[in-house]
Amino acid sequence: MPRLTFSQALGAGGSADVLSAWQYQYIPRPGILNVCLRSTVATDFFTLSAGSDSLAERQPVPAGGTAGQTPTAFNSPVISERVAAGDRLKLLLNNTGVASTVDGFVDYQPTG
């Protein structure tokens, strides 16, 4: 199962698409996508989309994380969604306050 683990620093008012350079940004086969995020502050938001499907639109990133520590399903909710072959994944992070760090992982599990 391909996994992308990341730690993304965001400046005040900054944004980043953490999947823009990932090998699996374009899904090769249908599968299950699992995403888990955690921020060091409470002012970060994320948007997650797969193809034309909006999976999460401007949702708050759970706060209370420590920069550099990957969250787990034990301390952060995991978003689990089906994705279709050819879908382009986008995970856009937005910071609306002070500088922060968002840590997380994206798992892609092919099913077909």
PDB file of N, CA and C in Angstrom:
ATOM      1  N   MET A   1       0.842  -1.165   0.000  1.00  0.00           N
ATOM      2  CA  MET A   1       0.000   0.000   0.000  1.00  0.00           C
ATOM      3  C   MET A   1       0.898   1.242   0.000  1.00  0.00           C
ATOM      4  N   PRO A   2       0.790   2.085  -1.027  1.00  0.00           N
ATOM      5  CA  PRO A   2       1.579   3.322  -1.057  1.00  0.00           C
ATOM      6  C   PRO A   2       1.165   4.269   0.057  1.00  0.00           C
ATOM      7  N   ARG A   3       2.150   4.881   0.693  1.00  0.00           N
ATOM      8  CA  ARG A   3       1.880   5.830   1.777  1.00  0.00           C
ATOM      9  C   ARG A   3       2.776   7.048   1.594  1.00  0.00           C
ATOM     10  N   LEU A   4       2.180   8.210   1.790  1.00  0.00           N
ATOM     11  CA  LEU A   4       2.931   9.459   1.826  1.00  0.00           C
ATOM     12  C   LEU A   4       2.803  10.007   3.235  1.00  0.00           C
ATOM     13  N   THR A   5       3.930  10.137   3.915  1.00  0.00           N
ATOM     14  CA  THR A   5       3.976  10.743   5.232  1.00  0.00           C
ATOM     15  C   THR A   5       4.608  12.113   5.060  1.00  0.00           C
ATOM     16  N   PHE A   6       4.008  13.137   5.651  1.00  0.00           N
ATOM     17  CA  PHE A   6       4.528  14.484   5.422  1.00  0.00           C
ATOM     18  C   PHE A   6       4.488  15.323   6.688  1.00  0.00           C
ATOM     19  N   SER A   7       5.322  16.358   6.680  1.00  0.00           N
ATOM     20  CA  SER A   7       5.339  17.398   7.701  1.00  0.00           C
ATOM     21  C   SER A   7       5.473  18.698   6.928  1.00  0.00           C
ATOM     22  N   GLN A   8       4.397  19.477   6.893  1.00  0.00           N
ATOM     23  CA  GLN A   8       4.335  20.677   6.057  1.00  0.00           C
ATOM     24  C   GLN A   8       4.272  21.932   6.921  1.00  0.00           C
ATOM     25  N   ALA A   9       5.312  22.769   6.835  1.00  0.00           N
ATOM     26  CA  ALA A   9       5.303  24.049   7.532  1.00  0.00           C
ATOM     27  C   ALA A   9       4.477  25.041   6.720  1.00  0.00           C
ATOM     28  N   LEU A  10       3.646  25.806   7.409  1.00  0.00           N
ATOM     29  CA  LEU A  10       2.826  26.835   6.772  1.00  0.00           C
ATOM     30  C   LEU A  10       3.085  28.169   7.455  1.00  0.00           C
ATOM     31  N   GLY A  11       3.438  29.165   6.669  1.00  0.00           N
ATOM     32  CA  GLY A  11       3.590  30.509   7.210  1.00  0.00           C
ATOM     33  C   GLY A  11       2.220  31.096   7.499  1.00  0.00           C
ATOM     34  N   ALA A  12       2.185  32.202   8.200  1.00  0.00           N
ATOM     35  CA  ALA A  12       0.915  32.877   8.492  1.00  0.00           C
ATOM     36  C   ALA A  12       0.225  33.222   7.180  1.00  0.00           C
ATOM     37  N   GLY A  13      -0.992  32.735   7.015  1.00  0.00           N
ATOM     38  CA  GLY A  13      -1.745  32.977   5.789  1.00  0.00           C
ATOM     39  C   GLY A  13      -1.298  32.126   4.615  1.00  0.00           C
ATOM     40  N   GLY A  14      -0.441  31.155   4.837  1.00  0.00           N
ATOM     41  CA  GLY A  14       0.102  30.326   3.757  1.00  0.00           C
ATOM     42  C   GLY A  14      -0.787  29.161   3.384  1.00  0.00           C
ATOM     43  N   SER A  15      -0.450  28.543   2.248  1.00  0.00           N
ATOM     44  CA  SER A  15      -1.171  27.356   1.799  1.00  0.00           C
ATOM     45  C   SER A  15      -0.204  26.427   1.073  1.00  0.00           C
ATOM     46  N   ALA A  16      -0.589  25.167   0.941  1.00  0.00           N
ATOM     47  CA  ALA A  16       0.236  24.172   0.254  1.00  0.00           C
ATOM     48  C   ALA A  16      -0.638  23.013  -0.205  1.00  0.00           C
ATOM     49  N   ASP A  17      -0.330  22.485  -1.396  1.00  0.00           N
ATOM     50  CA  ASP A  17      -0.955  21.249  -1.886  1.00  0.00           C
ATOM     51  C   ASP A  17       0.077  20.147  -1.700  1.00  0.00           C
ATOM     52  N   VAL A  18      -0.064  19.366  -0.637  1.00  0.00           N
ATOM     53  CA  VAL A  18       0.966  18.390  -0.273  1.00  0.00           C
ATOM     54  C   VAL A  18       1.043  17.198  -1.226  1.00  0.00           C
ATOM     55  N   LEU A  19       0.037  16.988  -2.063  1.00  0.00           N
ATOM     56  CA  LEU A  19       0.060  15.839  -2.978  1.00  0.00           C
ATOM     57  C   LEU A  19       0.525  16.192  -4.382  1.00  0.00           C
ATOM     58  N   SER A  20       0.905  17.442  -4.623  1.00  0.00           N
ATOM     59  CA  SER A  20       1.206  17.890  -5.983  1.00  0.00           C
ATOM     60  C   SER A  20       2.403  17.178  -6.621  1.00  0.00           C
ATOM     61  N   ALA A  21       3.316  16.652  -5.848  1.00  0.00           N
ATOM     62  CA  ALA A  21       4.479  15.973  -6.411  1.00  0.00           C
ATOM     63  C   ALA A  21       4.507  14.479  -6.085  1.00  0.00           C
ATOM     64  N   TRP A  22       3.406  13.943  -5.534  1.00  0.00           N
ATOM     65  CA  TRP A  22       3.363  12.533  -5.152  1.00  0.00           C
ATOM     66  C   TRP A  22       3.148  11.663  -6.385  1.00  0.00           C
ATOM     67  N   GLN A  23       3.801  10.546  -6.423  1.00  0.00           N
ATOM     68  CA  GLN A  23       3.683   9.595  -7.533  1.00  0.00           C
ATOM     69  C   GLN A  23       2.237   9.163  -7.758  1.00  0.00           C
ATOM     70  N   TYR A  24       1.448   9.097  -6.715  1.00  0.00           N
ATOM     71  CA  TYR A  24       0.064   8.629  -6.820  1.00  0.00           C
ATOM     72  C   TYR A  24      -0.942   9.786  -6.802  1.00  0.00           C
ATOM     73  N   GLN A  25      -0.504  10.965  -7.203  1.00  0.00           N
ATOM     74  CA  GLN A  25      -1.430  12.095  -7.304  1.00  0.00           C
ATOM     75  C   GLN A  25      -2.574  11.753  -8.262  1.00  0.00           C
ATOM     76  N   TYR A  26      -2.258  11.002  -9.315  1.00  0.00           N
ATOM     77  CA  TYR A  26      -3.278  10.482 -10.228  1.00  0.00           C
ATOM     78  C   TYR A  26      -3.449   9.002  -9.917  1.00  0.00           C
ATOM     79  N   ILE A  27      -4.644   8.604  -9.510  1.00  0.00           N
ATOM     80  CA  ILE A  27      -4.909   7.237  -9.055  1.00  0.00           C
ATOM     81  C   ILE A  27      -4.876   6.269 -10.242  1.00  0.00           C
ATOM     82  N   PRO A  28      -4.009   5.235 -10.208  1.00  0.00           N
ATOM     83  CA  PRO A  28      -3.918   4.303 -11.337  1.00  0.00           C
ATOM     84  C   PRO A  28      -5.059   3.282 -11.399  1.00  0.00           C
ATOM     85  N   ARG A  29      -5.560   2.860 -10.236  1.00  0.00           N
ATOM     86  CA  ARG A  29      -6.644   1.867 -10.165  1.00  0.00           C
ATOM     87  C   ARG A  29      -7.604   2.265  -9.058  1.00  0.00           C
ATOM     88  N   PRO A  30      -8.851   1.806  -9.118  1.00  0.00           N
ATOM     89  CA  PRO A  30      -9.782   2.119  -8.019  1.00  0.00           C
ATOM     90  C   PRO A  30      -9.208   1.661  -6.685  1.00  0.00           C
ATOM     91  N   GLY A  31      -9.568   2.356  -5.626  1.00  0.00           N
ATOM     92  CA  GLY A  31      -9.030   1.971  -4.331  1.00  0.00           C
ATOM     93  C   GLY A  31      -9.652   2.745  -3.190  1.00  0.00           C
ATOM     94  N   ILE A  32      -9.008   2.606  -2.044  1.00  0.00           N
ATOM     95  CA  ILE A  32      -9.425   3.272  -0.816  1.00  0.00           C
ATOM     96  C   ILE A  32      -8.329   4.266  -0.434  1.00  0.00           C
ATOM     97  N   LEU A  33      -8.748   5.472  -0.094  1.00  0.00           N
ATOM     98  CA  LEU A  33      -7.824   6.514   0.329  1.00  0.00           C
ATOM     99  C   LEU A  33      -8.065   6.797   1.812  1.00  0.00           C
ATOM    100  N   ASN A  34      -7.008   6.773   2.595  1.00  0.00           N
ATOM    101  CA  ASN A  34      -7.081   7.099   4.022  1.00  0.00           C
ATOM    102  C   ASN A  34      -6.175   8.294   4.281  1.00  0.00           C
ATOM    103  N   VAL A  35      -6.737   9.317   4.936  1.00  0.00           N
ATOM    104  CA  VAL A  35      -5.991  10.543   5.215  1.00  0.00           C
ATOM    105  C   VAL A  35      -6.124  10.866   6.692  1.00  0.00           C
ATOM    106  N   CYS A  36      -5.001  11.199   7.325  1.00  0.00           N
ATOM    107  CA  CYS A  36      -4.976  11.554   8.733  1.00  0.00           C
ATOM    108  C   CYS A  36      -4.087  12.790   8.895  1.00  0.00           C
ATOM    109  N   LEU A  37      -4.608  13.830   9.547  1.00  0.00           N
ATOM    110  CA  LEU A  37      -3.898  15.100   9.700  1.00  0.00           C
ATOM    111  C   LEU A  37      -3.918  15.561  11.146  1.00  0.00           C
ATOM    112  N   ARG A  38      -2.910  16.355  11.497  1.00  0.00           N
ATOM    113  CA  ARG A  38      -2.873  16.981  12.823  1.00  0.00           C
ATOM    114  C   ARG A  38      -2.002  18.231  12.731  1.00  0.00           C
ATOM    115  N   SER A  39      -2.469  19.322  13.318  1.00  0.00           N
ATOM    116  CA  SER A  39      -1.767  20.602  13.252  1.00  0.00           C
ATOM    117  C   SER A  39      -1.247  21.019  14.617  1.00  0.00           C
ATOM    118  N   THR A  40      -0.264  21.913  14.592  1.00  0.00           N
ATOM    119  CA  THR A  40       0.272  22.449  15.842  1.00  0.00           C
ATOM    120  C   THR A  40      -0.578  23.600  16.378  1.00  0.00           C
ATOM    121  N   VAL A  41      -1.499  24.132  15.547  1.00  0.00           N
ATOM    122  CA  VAL A  41      -2.378  25.238  15.966  1.00  0.00           C
ATOM    123  C   VAL A  41      -3.814  24.940  15.542  1.00  0.00           C
ATOM    124  N   ALA A  42      -4.745  25.750  16.008  1.00  0.00           N
ATOM    125  CA  ALA A  42      -6.159  25.530  15.698  1.00  0.00           C
ATOM    126  C   ALA A  42      -6.660  26.399  14.545  1.00  0.00           C
ATOM    127  N   THR A  43      -5.761  26.997  13.779  1.00  0.00           N
ATOM    128  CA  THR A  43      -6.188  27.917  12.718  1.00  0.00           C
ATOM    129  C   THR A  43      -5.938  27.366  11.313  1.00  0.00           C
ATOM    130  N   ASP A  44      -5.682  26.068  11.191  1.00  0.00           N
ATOM    131  CA  ASP A  44      -5.440  25.452   9.881  1.00  0.00           C
ATOM    132  C   ASP A  44      -6.693  24.760   9.376  1.00  0.00           C
ATOM    133  N   PHE A  45      -6.886  24.804   8.061  1.00  0.00           N
ATOM    134  CA  PHE A  45      -8.009  24.164   7.400  1.00  0.00           C
ATOM    135  C   PHE A  45      -7.492  23.330   6.242  1.00  0.00           C
ATOM    136  N   PHE A  46      -8.290  22.334   5.815  1.00  0.00           N
ATOM    137  CA  PHE A  46      -7.894  21.530   4.667  1.00  0.00           C
ATOM    138  C   PHE A  46      -9.087  21.298   3.754  1.00  0.00           C
ATOM    139  N   THR A  47      -8.764  21.110   2.472  1.00  0.00           N
ATOM    140  CA  THR A  47      -9.738  20.721   1.460  1.00  0.00           C
ATOM    141  C   THR A  47      -9.180  19.479   0.784  1.00  0.00           C
ATOM    142  N   LEU A  48      -9.989  18.439   0.692  1.00  0.00           N
ATOM    143  CA  LEU A  48      -9.575  17.180   0.075  1.00  0.00           C
ATOM    144  C   LEU A  48     -10.520  16.862  -1.070  1.00  0.00           C
ATOM    145  N   SER A  49      -9.948  16.601  -2.248  1.00  0.00           N
ATOM    146  CA  SER A  49     -10.779  16.232  -3.393  1.00  0.00           C
ATOM    147  C   SER A  49     -10.114  15.102  -4.171  1.00  0.00           C
ATOM    148  N   ALA A  50     -10.962  14.331  -4.856  1.00  0.00           N
ATOM    149  CA  ALA A  50     -10.516  13.241  -5.725  1.00  0.00           C
ATOM    150  C   ALA A  50     -11.319  13.357  -7.011  1.00  0.00           C
ATOM    151  N   GLY A  51     -10.654  13.759  -8.084  1.00  0.00           N
ATOM    152  CA  GLY A  51     -11.366  13.997  -9.339  1.00  0.00           C
ATOM    153  C   GLY A  51     -12.362  15.124  -9.148  1.00  0.00           C
ATOM    154  N   SER A  52     -13.598  14.905  -9.542  1.00  0.00           N
ATOM    155  CA  SER A  52     -14.631  15.928  -9.396  1.00  0.00           C
ATOM    156  C   SER A  52     -15.357  15.838  -8.050  1.00  0.00           C
ATOM    157  N   ASP A  53     -14.967  14.897  -7.201  1.00  0.00           N
ATOM    158  CA  ASP A  53     -15.602  14.714  -5.895  1.00  0.00           C
ATOM    159  C   ASP A  53     -14.888  15.524  -4.816  1.00  0.00           C
ATOM    160  N   SER A  54     -15.643  16.336  -4.106  1.00  0.00           N
ATOM    161  CA  SER A  54     -15.106  17.061  -2.959  1.00  0.00           C
ATOM    162  C   SER A  54     -15.334  16.186  -1.730  1.00  0.00           C
ATOM    163  N   LEU A  55     -14.269  15.665  -1.152  1.00  0.00           N
ATOM    164  CA  LEU A  55     -14.376  14.751  -0.015  1.00  0.00           C
ATOM    165  C   LEU A  55     -14.443  15.500   1.313  1.00  0.00           C
ATOM    166  N   ALA A  56     -13.828  16.668   1.384  1.00  0.00           N
ATOM    167  CA  ALA A  56     -13.869  17.520   2.579  1.00  0.00           C
ATOM    168  C   ALA A  56     -13.581  18.942   2.117  1.00  0.00           C
ATOM    169  N   GLU A  57     -14.500  19.836   2.368  1.00  0.00           N
ATOM    170  CA  GLU A  57     -14.367  21.219   1.901  1.00  0.00           C
ATOM    171  C   GLU A  57     -14.110  22.152   3.079  1.00  0.00           C
ATOM    172  N   ARG A  58     -12.907  22.699   3.127  1.00  0.00           N
ATOM    173  CA  ARG A  58     -12.504  23.679   4.158  1.00  0.00           C
ATOM    174  C   ARG A  58     -12.873  23.220   5.571  1.00  0.00           C
ATOM    175  N   GLN A  59     -12.353  22.081   5.928  1.00  0.00           N
ATOM    176  CA  GLN A  59     -12.565  21.511   7.261  1.00  0.00           C
ATOM    177  C   GLN A  59     -11.405  21.898   8.177  1.00  0.00           C
ATOM    178  N   PRO A  60     -11.652  22.102   9.466  1.00  0.00           N
ATOM    179  CA  PRO A  60     -10.533  22.395  10.373  1.00  0.00           C
ATOM    180  C   PRO A  60      -9.646  21.167  10.549  1.00  0.00           C
ATOM    181  N   VAL A  61      -8.340  21.416  10.564  1.00  0.00           N
ATOM    182  CA  VAL A  61      -7.381  20.346  10.847  1.00  0.00           C
ATOM    183  C   VAL A  61      -7.357  20.177  12.363  1.00  0.00           C
ATOM    184  N   PRO A  62      -7.486  18.939  12.866  1.00  0.00           N
ATOM    185  CA  PRO A  62      -7.413  18.744  14.315  1.00  0.00           C
ATOM    186  C   PRO A  62      -6.110  19.321  14.873  1.00  0.00           C
ATOM    187  N   ALA A  63      -6.209  20.046  15.968  1.00  0.00           N
ATOM    188  CA  ALA A  63      -5.052  20.702  16.575  1.00  0.00           C
ATOM    189  C   ALA A  63      -4.483  19.872  17.715  1.00  0.00           C
ATOM    190  N   GLY A  64      -3.347  20.313  18.226  1.00  0.00           N
ATOM    191  CA  GLY A  64      -2.733  19.661  19.378  1.00  0.00           C
ATOM    192  C   GLY A  64      -1.555  18.790  19.022  1.00  0.00           C
ATOM    193  N   GLY A  65      -1.134  18.833  17.777  1.00  0.00           N
ATOM    194  CA  GLY A  65      -0.013  18.004  17.349  1.00  0.00           C
ATOM    195  C   GLY A  65       1.329  18.624  17.703  1.00  0.00           C
ATOM    196  N   THR A  66       2.357  17.832  17.558  1.00  0.00           N
ATOM    197  CA  THR A  66       3.736  18.268  17.743  1.00  0.00           C
ATOM    198  C   THR A  66       4.418  18.194  16.392  1.00  0.00           C
ATOM    199  N   ALA A  67       5.071  19.270  15.988  1.00  0.00           N
ATOM    200  CA  ALA A  67       5.730  19.307  14.684  1.00  0.00           C
ATOM    201  C   ALA A  67       6.688  18.129  14.532  1.00  0.00           C
ATOM    202  N   GLY A  68       6.555  17.431  13.417  1.00  0.00           N
ATOM    203  CA  GLY A  68       7.436  16.299  13.121  1.00  0.00           C
ATOM    204  C   GLY A  68       6.914  14.952  13.577  1.00  0.00           C
ATOM    205  N   GLN A  69       5.801  14.923  14.295  1.00  0.00           N
ATOM    206  CA  GLN A  69       5.245  13.648  14.747  1.00  0.00           C
ATOM    207  C   GLN A  69       4.027  13.298  13.918  1.00  0.00           C
ATOM    208  N   THR A  70       4.097  12.158  13.235  1.00  0.00           N
ATOM    209  CA  THR A  70       2.995  11.708  12.390  1.00  0.00           C
ATOM    210  C   THR A  70       1.823  11.264  13.260  1.00  0.00           C
ATOM    211  N   PRO A  71       0.620  11.783  12.982  1.00  0.00           N
ATOM    212  CA  PRO A  71      -0.543  11.378  13.768  1.00  0.00           C
ATOM    213  C   PRO A  71      -0.925   9.927  13.476  1.00  0.00           C
ATOM    214  N   THR A  72      -1.718   9.374  14.357  1.00  0.00           N
ATOM    215  CA  THR A  72      -2.217   8.014  14.183  1.00  0.00           C
ATOM    216  C   THR A  72      -3.742   8.038  14.301  1.00  0.00           C
ATOM    217  N   ALA A  73      -4.367   6.937  13.958  1.00  0.00           N
ATOM    218  CA  ALA A  73      -5.815   6.817  14.098  1.00  0.00           C
ATOM    219  C   ALA A  73      -6.234   6.895  15.567  1.00  0.00           C
ATOM    220  N   PHE A  74      -5.301   6.697  16.476  1.00  0.00           N
ATOM    221  CA  PHE A  74      -5.587   6.771  17.908  1.00  0.00           C
ATOM    222  C   PHE A  74      -5.798   8.212  18.373  1.00  0.00           C
ATOM    223  N   ASN A  75      -5.030   9.178  17.789  1.00  0.00           N
ATOM    224  CA  ASN A  75      -5.118  10.559  18.276  1.00  0.00           C
ATOM    225  C   ASN A  75      -5.690  11.553  17.267  1.00  0.00           C
ATOM    226  N   SER A  76      -6.045  11.105  16.075  1.00  0.00           N
ATOM    227  CA  SER A  76      -6.640  11.978  15.054  1.00  0.00           C
ATOM    228  C   SER A  76      -7.611  11.165  14.206  1.00  0.00           C
ATOM    229  N   PRO A  77      -8.709  11.778  13.768  1.00  0.00           N
ATOM    230  CA  PRO A  77      -9.647  11.039  12.914  1.00  0.00           C
ATOM    231  C   PRO A  77      -9.042  10.736  11.550  1.00  0.00           C
ATOM    232  N   VAL A  78      -9.393   9.583  11.006  1.00  0.00           N
ATOM    233  CA  VAL A  78      -8.929   9.186   9.675  1.00  0.00           C
ATOM    234  C   VAL A  78     -10.101   9.317   8.707  1.00  0.00           C
ATOM    235  N   ILE A  79      -9.860  10.023   7.621  1.00  0.00           N
ATOM    236  CA  ILE A  79     -10.864  10.128   6.557  1.00  0.00           C
ATOM    237  C   ILE A  79     -10.612   8.972   5.607  1.00  0.00           C
ATOM    238  N   SER A  80     -11.632   8.170   5.354  1.00  0.00           N
ATOM    239  CA  SER A  80     -11.509   7.003   4.482  1.00  0.00           C
ATOM    240  C   SER A  80     -12.550   7.113   3.378  1.00  0.00           C
ATOM    241  N   GLU A  81     -12.095   7.141   2.125  1.00  0.00           N
ATOM    242  CA  GLU A  81     -12.990   7.317   0.979  1.00  0.00           C
ATOM    243  C   GLU A  81     -12.552   6.423  -0.177  1.00  0.00           C
ATOM    244  N   ARG A  82     -13.525   6.023  -0.992  1.00  0.00           N
ATOM    245  CA  ARG A  82     -13.222   5.307  -2.230  1.00  0.00           C
ATOM    246  C   ARG A  82     -12.795   6.303  -3.295  1.00  0.00           C
ATOM    247  N   VAL A  83     -11.815   5.916  -4.108  1.00  0.00           N
ATOM    248  CA  VAL A  83     -11.361   6.754  -5.217  1.00  0.00           C
ATOM    249  C   VAL A  83     -11.385   5.927  -6.496  1.00  0.00           C
ATOM    250  N   ALA A  84     -11.607   6.597  -7.621  1.00  0.00           N
ATOM    251  CA  ALA A  84     -11.715   5.926  -8.917  1.00  0.00           C
ATOM    252  C   ALA A  84     -10.412   6.064  -9.699  1.00  0.00           C
ATOM    253  N   ALA A  85     -10.195   5.153 -10.614  1.00  0.00           N
ATOM    254  CA  ALA A  85      -9.029   5.220 -11.490  1.00  0.00           C
ATOM    255  C   ALA A  85      -9.059   6.529 -12.267  1.00  0.00           C
ATOM    256  N   GLY A  86      -7.913   7.180 -12.360  1.00  0.00           N
ATOM    257  CA  GLY A  86      -7.803   8.436 -13.091  1.00  0.00           C
ATOM    258  C   GLY A  86      -8.079   9.675 -12.265  1.00  0.00           C
ATOM    259  N   ASP A  87      -8.609   9.518 -11.055  1.00  0.00           N
ATOM    260  CA  ASP A  87      -8.869  10.673 -10.199  1.00  0.00           C
ATOM    261  C   ASP A  87      -7.562  11.387  -9.865  1.00  0.00           C
ATOM    262  N   ARG A  88      -7.614  12.719  -9.849  1.00  0.00           N
ATOM    263  CA  ARG A  88      -6.486  13.517  -9.368  1.00  0.00           C
ATOM    264  C   ARG A  88      -6.765  13.878  -7.924  1.00  0.00           C
ATOM    265  N   LEU A  89      -5.833  13.537  -7.043  1.00  0.00           N
ATOM    266  CA  LEU A  89      -5.983  13.840  -5.625  1.00  0.00           C
ATOM    267  C   LEU A  89      -5.437  15.229  -5.327  1.00  0.00           C
ATOM    268  N   LYS A  90      -6.142  15.936  -4.466  1.00  0.00           N
ATOM    269  CA  LYS A  90      -5.677  17.248  -4.039  1.00  0.00           C
ATOM    270  C   LYS A  90      -5.951  17.389  -2.550  1.00  0.00           C
ATOM    271  N   LEU A  91      -4.913  17.692  -1.797  1.00  0.00           N
ATOM    272  CA  LEU A  91      -5.020  17.950  -0.369  1.00  0.00           C
ATOM    273  C   LEU A  91      -4.430  19.334  -0.136  1.00  0.00           C
ATOM    274  N   LEU A  92      -5.301  20.327  -0.082  1.00  0.00           N
ATOM    275  CA  LEU A  92      -4.884  21.716   0.061  1.00  0.00           C
ATOM    276  C   LEU A  92      -4.978  22.133   1.527  1.00  0.00           C
ATOM    277  N   LEU A  93      -3.861  22.600   2.067  1.00  0.00           N
ATOM    278  CA  LEU A  93      -3.802  23.089   3.439  1.00  0.00           C
ATOM    279  C   LEU A  93      -3.800  24.607   3.422  1.00  0.00           C
ATOM    280  N   ASN A  94      -4.581  25.222   4.308  1.00  0.00           N
ATOM    281  CA  ASN A  94      -4.634  26.678   4.429  1.00  0.00           C
ATOM    282  C   ASN A  94      -4.446  27.073   5.883  1.00  0.00           C
ATOM    283  N   ASN A  95      -3.601  28.083   6.101  1.00  0.00           N
ATOM    284  CA  ASN A  95      -3.365  28.605   7.433  1.00  0.00           C
ATOM    285  C   ASN A  95      -4.012  29.981   7.523  1.00  0.00           C
ATOM    286  N   THR A  96      -4.830  30.199   8.527  1.00  0.00           N
ATOM    287  CA  THR A  96      -5.506  31.490   8.685  1.00  0.00           C
ATOM    288  C   THR A  96      -4.988  32.269   9.890  1.00  0.00           C
ATOM    289  N   GLY A  97      -3.960  31.769  10.556  1.00  0.00           N
ATOM    290  CA  GLY A  97      -3.443  32.442  11.750  1.00  0.00           C
ATOM    291  C   GLY A  97      -1.929  32.512  11.722  1.00  0.00           C
ATOM    292  N   VAL A  98      -1.335  32.170  12.848  1.00  0.00           N
ATOM    293  CA  VAL A  98       0.121  32.200  12.987  1.00  0.00           C
ATOM    294  C   VAL A  98       0.750  30.997  12.289  1.00  0.00           C
ATOM    295  N   ALA A  99       2.069  31.061  12.092  1.00  0.00           N
ATOM    296  CA  ALA A  99       2.785  29.963  11.444  1.00  0.00           C
ATOM    297  C   ALA A  99       2.526  28.645  12.178  1.00  0.00           C
ATOM    298  N   SER A 100       2.486  27.556  11.405  1.00  0.00           N
ATOM    299  CA  SER A 100       2.167  26.257  11.992  1.00  0.00           C
ATOM    300  C   SER A 100       2.845  25.145  11.199  1.00  0.00           C
ATOM    301  N   THR A 101       2.669  23.944  11.690  1.00  0.00           N
ATOM    302  CA  THR A 101       3.118  22.746  10.985  1.00  0.00           C
ATOM    303  C   THR A 101       1.966  21.749  10.988  1.00  0.00           C
ATOM    304  N   VAL A 102       1.691  21.180   9.810  1.00  0.00           N
ATOM    305  CA  VAL A 102       0.678  20.132   9.693  1.00  0.00           C
ATOM    306  C   VAL A 102       1.405  18.835   9.362  1.00  0.00           C
ATOM    307  N   ASP A 103       1.192  17.834  10.179  1.00  0.00           N
ATOM    308  CA  ASP A 103       1.758  16.507   9.952  1.00  0.00           C
ATOM    309  C   ASP A 103       0.630  15.570   9.571  1.00  0.00           C
ATOM    310  N   GLY A 104       0.961  14.565   8.775  1.00  0.00           N
ATOM    311  CA  GLY A 104      -0.072  13.611   8.405  1.00  0.00           C
ATOM    312  C   GLY A 104       0.433  12.509   7.509  1.00  0.00           C
ATOM    313  N   PHE A 105      -0.519  11.677   7.095  1.00  0.00           N
ATOM    314  CA  PHE A 105      -0.214  10.632   6.127  1.00  0.00           C
ATOM    315  C   PHE A 105      -1.399  10.447   5.194  1.00  0.00           C
ATOM    316  N   VAL A 106      -1.085   9.952   3.994  1.00  0.00           N
ATOM    317  CA  VAL A 106      -2.082   9.603   2.992  1.00  0.00           C
ATOM    318  C   VAL A 106      -1.758   8.189   2.543  1.00  0.00           C
ATOM    319  N   ASP A 107      -2.697   7.272   2.737  1.00  0.00           N
ATOM    320  CA  ASP A 107      -2.549   5.885   2.295  1.00  0.00           C
ATOM    321  C   ASP A 107      -3.475   5.639   1.107  1.00  0.00           C
ATOM    322  N   TYR A 108      -2.949   4.991   0.093  1.00  0.00           N
ATOM    323  CA  TYR A 108      -3.754   4.591  -1.052  1.00  0.00           C
ATOM    324  C   TYR A 108      -3.667   3.073  -1.158  1.00  0.00           C
ATOM    325  N   GLN A 109      -4.828   2.406  -1.104  1.00  0.00           N
ATOM    326  CA  GLN A 109      -4.874   0.953  -1.173  1.00  0.00           C
ATOM    327  C   GLN A 109      -5.668   0.551  -2.401  1.00  0.00           C
ATOM    328  N   PRO A 110      -4.997   0.065  -3.459  1.00  0.00           N
ATOM    329  CA  PRO A 110      -5.735  -0.374  -4.663  1.00  0.00           C
ATOM    330  C   PRO A 110      -6.671  -1.529  -4.334  1.00  0.00           C
ATOM    331  N   THR A 111      -7.847  -1.511  -4.944  1.00  0.00           N
ATOM    332  CA  THR A 111      -8.817  -2.603  -4.738  1.00  0.00           C
ATOM    333  C   THR A 111      -9.157  -3.298  -6.027  1.00  0.00           C
ATOM    334  N   GLY A 112      -8.718  -2.783  -7.151  1.00  0.00           N
ATOM    335  CA  GLY A 112      -9.092  -3.378  -8.432  1.00  0.00           C
ATOM    336  C   GLY A 112      -7.937  -3.685  -9.311  1.00  0.00           C
TER     337      GLY A 112
END
